[in-house]
Amino acid sequence: MRGHRHATDRNLLLGFFALLFVVGGGLIWLLYGGSAAALGIVCIALGAVLAGLVIFIMLAIGWLSAWLDKRDLGD
């Protein structure tokens, strides 16, 4: 069950950013032109990188916490 939740969360996050790239980039291109769309895609990509960094840090903190708990219990 935990693996299914992890896969679902990952797929939802990837789907969100894919939708953001396609719809957001398309609307920027439609309303403002190609150069603005290129800059918009770059900004969206930087936002995705920042979100990925936050997720990575949270996963690392969770892993470190589990490792410290395991070490303290002597397992």
N, C-alpha and C. Protein backbone atom coordinates (compact mmCIF):
# COMPACT_ATOMS: atom_id res chain seq x y z
N MET A 1 0.83 -1.20 0.00
CA MET A 1 0.00 0.00 0.00
C MET A 1 0.88 1.27 0.00
N ARG A 2 1.97 1.21 0.75
CA ARG A 2 2.85 2.36 0.83
C ARG A 2 3.52 2.65 -0.51
N GLY A 3 3.89 1.58 -1.22
CA GLY A 3 4.50 1.75 -2.53
C GLY A 3 3.54 2.36 -3.54
N HIS A 4 2.27 1.97 -3.44
CA HIS A 4 1.25 2.52 -4.33
C HIS A 4 1.07 4.01 -4.07
N ARG A 5 1.07 4.40 -2.79
CA ARG A 5 0.92 5.82 -2.46
C ARG A 5 2.12 6.61 -2.97
N HIS A 6 3.31 6.06 -2.80
CA HIS A 6 4.51 6.74 -3.27
C HIS A 6 4.47 6.93 -4.79
N ALA A 7 4.07 5.89 -5.51
CA ALA A 7 3.98 5.98 -6.96
C ALA A 7 2.91 6.99 -7.39
N THR A 8 1.78 7.00 -6.68
CA THR A 8 0.70 7.94 -7.00
C THR A 8 1.15 9.38 -6.76
N ASP A 9 1.80 9.63 -5.63
CA ASP A 9 2.29 10.98 -5.34
C ASP A 9 3.29 11.44 -6.39
N ARG A 10 4.20 10.56 -6.78
CA ARG A 10 5.20 10.91 -7.79
C ARG A 10 4.52 11.21 -9.13
N ASN A 11 3.56 10.37 -9.52
CA ASN A 11 2.87 10.57 -10.80
C ASN A 11 2.05 11.86 -10.80
N LEU A 12 1.42 12.17 -9.68
CA LEU A 12 0.66 13.42 -9.60
C LEU A 12 1.58 14.64 -9.72
N LEU A 13 2.72 14.58 -9.07
CA LEU A 13 3.66 15.70 -9.15
C LEU A 13 4.20 15.86 -10.57
N LEU A 14 4.58 14.75 -11.19
CA LEU A 14 5.06 14.82 -12.57
C LEU A 14 3.97 15.30 -13.52
N GLY A 15 2.75 14.84 -13.31
CA GLY A 15 1.63 15.29 -14.14
C GLY A 15 1.36 16.77 -13.98
N PHE A 16 1.47 17.26 -12.75
CA PHE A 16 1.26 18.68 -12.50
C PHE A 16 2.27 19.52 -13.28
N PHE A 17 3.54 19.14 -13.20
CA PHE A 17 4.55 19.94 -13.90
C PHE A 17 4.45 19.78 -15.41
N ALA A 18 4.07 18.60 -15.89
CA ALA A 18 3.87 18.43 -17.33
C ALA A 18 2.71 19.31 -17.81
N LEU A 19 1.62 19.32 -17.06
CA LEU A 19 0.48 20.16 -17.41
C LEU A 19 0.86 21.64 -17.34
N LEU A 20 1.64 21.99 -16.35
CA LEU A 20 2.09 23.38 -16.21
C LEU A 20 2.94 23.79 -17.41
N PHE A 21 3.85 22.91 -17.85
CA PHE A 21 4.68 23.22 -19.02
C PHE A 21 3.82 23.36 -20.27
N VAL A 22 2.93 22.41 -20.51
CA VAL A 22 2.16 22.41 -21.76
C VAL A 22 1.15 23.55 -21.78
N VAL A 23 0.32 23.62 -20.75
CA VAL A 23 -0.74 24.64 -20.74
C VAL A 23 -0.16 26.03 -20.50
N GLY A 24 0.72 26.14 -19.49
CA GLY A 24 1.31 27.44 -19.18
C GLY A 24 2.14 27.97 -20.33
N GLY A 25 3.02 27.12 -20.86
CA GLY A 25 3.85 27.54 -21.99
C GLY A 25 3.02 27.86 -23.22
N GLY A 26 2.00 27.05 -23.47
CA GLY A 26 1.13 27.30 -24.62
C GLY A 26 0.36 28.61 -24.50
N LEU A 27 -0.16 28.89 -23.32
CA LEU A 27 -0.89 30.15 -23.14
C LEU A 27 0.03 31.36 -23.24
N ILE A 28 1.23 31.25 -22.68
CA ILE A 28 2.18 32.36 -22.81
C ILE A 28 2.53 32.58 -24.28
N TRP A 29 2.77 31.47 -25.00
CA TRP A 29 3.09 31.59 -26.42
C TRP A 29 1.93 32.22 -27.19
N LEU A 30 0.70 31.78 -26.89
CA LEU A 30 -0.47 32.28 -27.59
C LEU A 30 -0.69 33.77 -27.32
N LEU A 31 -0.51 34.19 -26.08
CA LEU A 31 -0.80 35.57 -25.71
C LEU A 31 0.36 36.54 -25.96
N TYR A 32 1.59 36.06 -25.76
CA TYR A 32 2.72 36.99 -25.79
C TYR A 32 3.79 36.69 -26.84
N GLY A 33 3.75 35.51 -27.44
CA GLY A 33 4.73 35.20 -28.49
C GLY A 33 5.78 34.20 -28.04
N GLY A 34 6.66 33.88 -28.98
CA GLY A 34 7.64 32.82 -28.78
C GLY A 34 8.73 33.13 -27.77
N SER A 35 9.26 34.35 -27.81
CA SER A 35 10.35 34.68 -26.88
C SER A 35 9.86 34.71 -25.44
N ALA A 36 8.66 35.21 -25.24
CA ALA A 36 8.08 35.22 -23.89
C ALA A 36 7.80 33.79 -23.44
N ALA A 37 7.37 32.94 -24.36
CA ALA A 37 7.11 31.54 -24.00
C ALA A 37 8.40 30.84 -23.60
N ALA A 38 9.49 31.13 -24.30
CA ALA A 38 10.78 30.54 -23.94
C ALA A 38 11.19 30.96 -22.53
N LEU A 39 11.04 32.23 -22.23
CA LEU A 39 11.37 32.70 -20.89
C LEU A 39 10.43 32.10 -19.85
N GLY A 40 9.16 31.96 -20.20
CA GLY A 40 8.20 31.34 -19.29
C GLY A 40 8.55 29.89 -19.01
N ILE A 41 8.96 29.15 -20.02
CA ILE A 41 9.36 27.75 -19.83
C ILE A 41 10.59 27.67 -18.93
N VAL A 42 11.53 28.60 -19.11
CA VAL A 42 12.72 28.62 -18.25
C VAL A 42 12.31 28.88 -16.80
N CYS A 43 11.40 29.81 -16.58
CA CYS A 43 10.95 30.11 -15.23
C CYS A 43 10.19 28.93 -14.62
N ILE A 44 9.36 28.28 -15.41
CA ILE A 44 8.65 27.10 -14.93
C ILE A 44 9.64 25.99 -14.59
N ALA A 45 10.66 25.82 -15.41
CA ALA A 45 11.67 24.79 -15.15
C ALA A 45 12.44 25.09 -13.87
N LEU A 46 12.77 26.34 -13.64
CA LEU A 46 13.46 26.70 -12.40
C LEU A 46 12.56 26.45 -11.18
N GLY A 47 11.28 26.71 -11.33
CA GLY A 47 10.34 26.39 -10.25
C GLY A 47 10.27 24.90 -9.99
N ALA A 48 10.32 24.11 -11.05
CA ALA A 48 10.30 22.65 -10.90
C ALA A 48 11.58 22.17 -10.22
N VAL A 49 12.70 22.78 -10.56
CA VAL A 49 13.96 22.41 -9.91
C VAL A 49 13.91 22.75 -8.42
N LEU A 50 13.39 23.91 -8.09
CA LEU A 50 13.27 24.28 -6.67
C LEU A 50 12.33 23.33 -5.93
N ALA A 51 11.23 22.96 -6.55
CA ALA A 51 10.31 22.01 -5.92
C ALA A 51 10.99 20.66 -5.74
N GLY A 52 11.75 20.23 -6.73
CA GLY A 52 12.49 18.98 -6.61
C GLY A 52 13.53 19.03 -5.51
N LEU A 53 14.18 20.17 -5.35
CA LEU A 53 15.16 20.34 -4.29
C LEU A 53 14.51 20.24 -2.91
N VAL A 54 13.35 20.87 -2.75
CA VAL A 54 12.63 20.80 -1.48
C VAL A 54 12.21 19.35 -1.19
N ILE A 55 11.72 18.66 -2.20
CA ILE A 55 11.32 17.26 -2.01
C ILE A 55 12.53 16.41 -1.64
N PHE A 56 13.65 16.63 -2.32
CA PHE A 56 14.87 15.88 -2.02
C PHE A 56 15.32 16.13 -0.58
N ILE A 57 15.28 17.36 -0.14
CA ILE A 57 15.68 17.68 1.24
C ILE A 57 14.75 17.00 2.24
N MET A 58 13.44 17.03 1.98
CA MET A 58 12.50 16.38 2.89
C MET A 58 12.71 14.87 2.93
N LEU A 59 12.98 14.25 1.79
CA LEU A 59 13.26 12.82 1.76
C LEU A 59 14.55 12.50 2.51
N ALA A 60 15.56 13.35 2.35
CA ALA A 60 16.82 13.14 3.05
C ALA A 60 16.65 13.27 4.56
N ILE A 61 15.84 14.22 4.99
CA ILE A 61 15.58 14.38 6.42
C ILE A 61 14.84 13.15 6.96
N GLY A 62 13.86 12.65 6.20
CA GLY A 62 13.14 11.44 6.61
C GLY A 62 14.05 10.23 6.69
N TRP A 63 14.94 10.08 5.69
CA TRP A 63 15.88 8.97 5.70
C TRP A 63 16.83 9.08 6.88
N LEU A 64 17.35 10.28 7.15
CA LEU A 64 18.26 10.50 8.26
C LEU A 64 17.58 10.21 9.59
N SER A 65 16.34 10.64 9.73
CA SER A 65 15.59 10.39 10.95
C SER A 65 15.39 8.90 11.18
N ALA A 66 15.01 8.17 10.14
CA ALA A 66 14.83 6.73 10.27
C ALA A 66 16.15 6.04 10.60
N TRP A 67 17.24 6.49 9.98
CA TRP A 67 18.54 5.90 10.24
C TRP A 67 18.97 6.13 11.68
N LEU A 68 18.75 7.36 12.19
CA LEU A 68 19.12 7.67 13.57
C LEU A 68 18.27 6.87 14.56
N ASP A 69 16.98 6.73 14.28
CA ASP A 69 16.12 5.92 15.14
C ASP A 69 16.57 4.48 15.17
N LYS A 70 16.92 3.94 14.01
CA LYS A 70 17.37 2.57 13.92
C LYS A 70 18.70 2.38 14.66
N ARG A 71 19.57 3.36 14.53
CA ARG A 71 20.86 3.29 15.21
C ARG A 71 20.70 3.38 16.72
N ASP A 72 19.81 4.24 17.20
CA ASP A 72 19.60 4.41 18.65
C ASP A 72 18.96 3.18 19.26
N LEU A 73 18.12 2.48 18.50
CA LEU A 73 17.46 1.28 19.02
C LEU A 73 18.37 0.07 18.96
N GLY A 74 19.46 0.16 18.23
CA GLY A 74 20.41 -0.93 18.16
C GLY A 74 20.00 -2.07 17.25
N ASP A 75 19.13 -1.81 16.29
CA ASP A 75 18.69 -2.86 15.37
C ASP A 75 19.65 -3.05 14.24
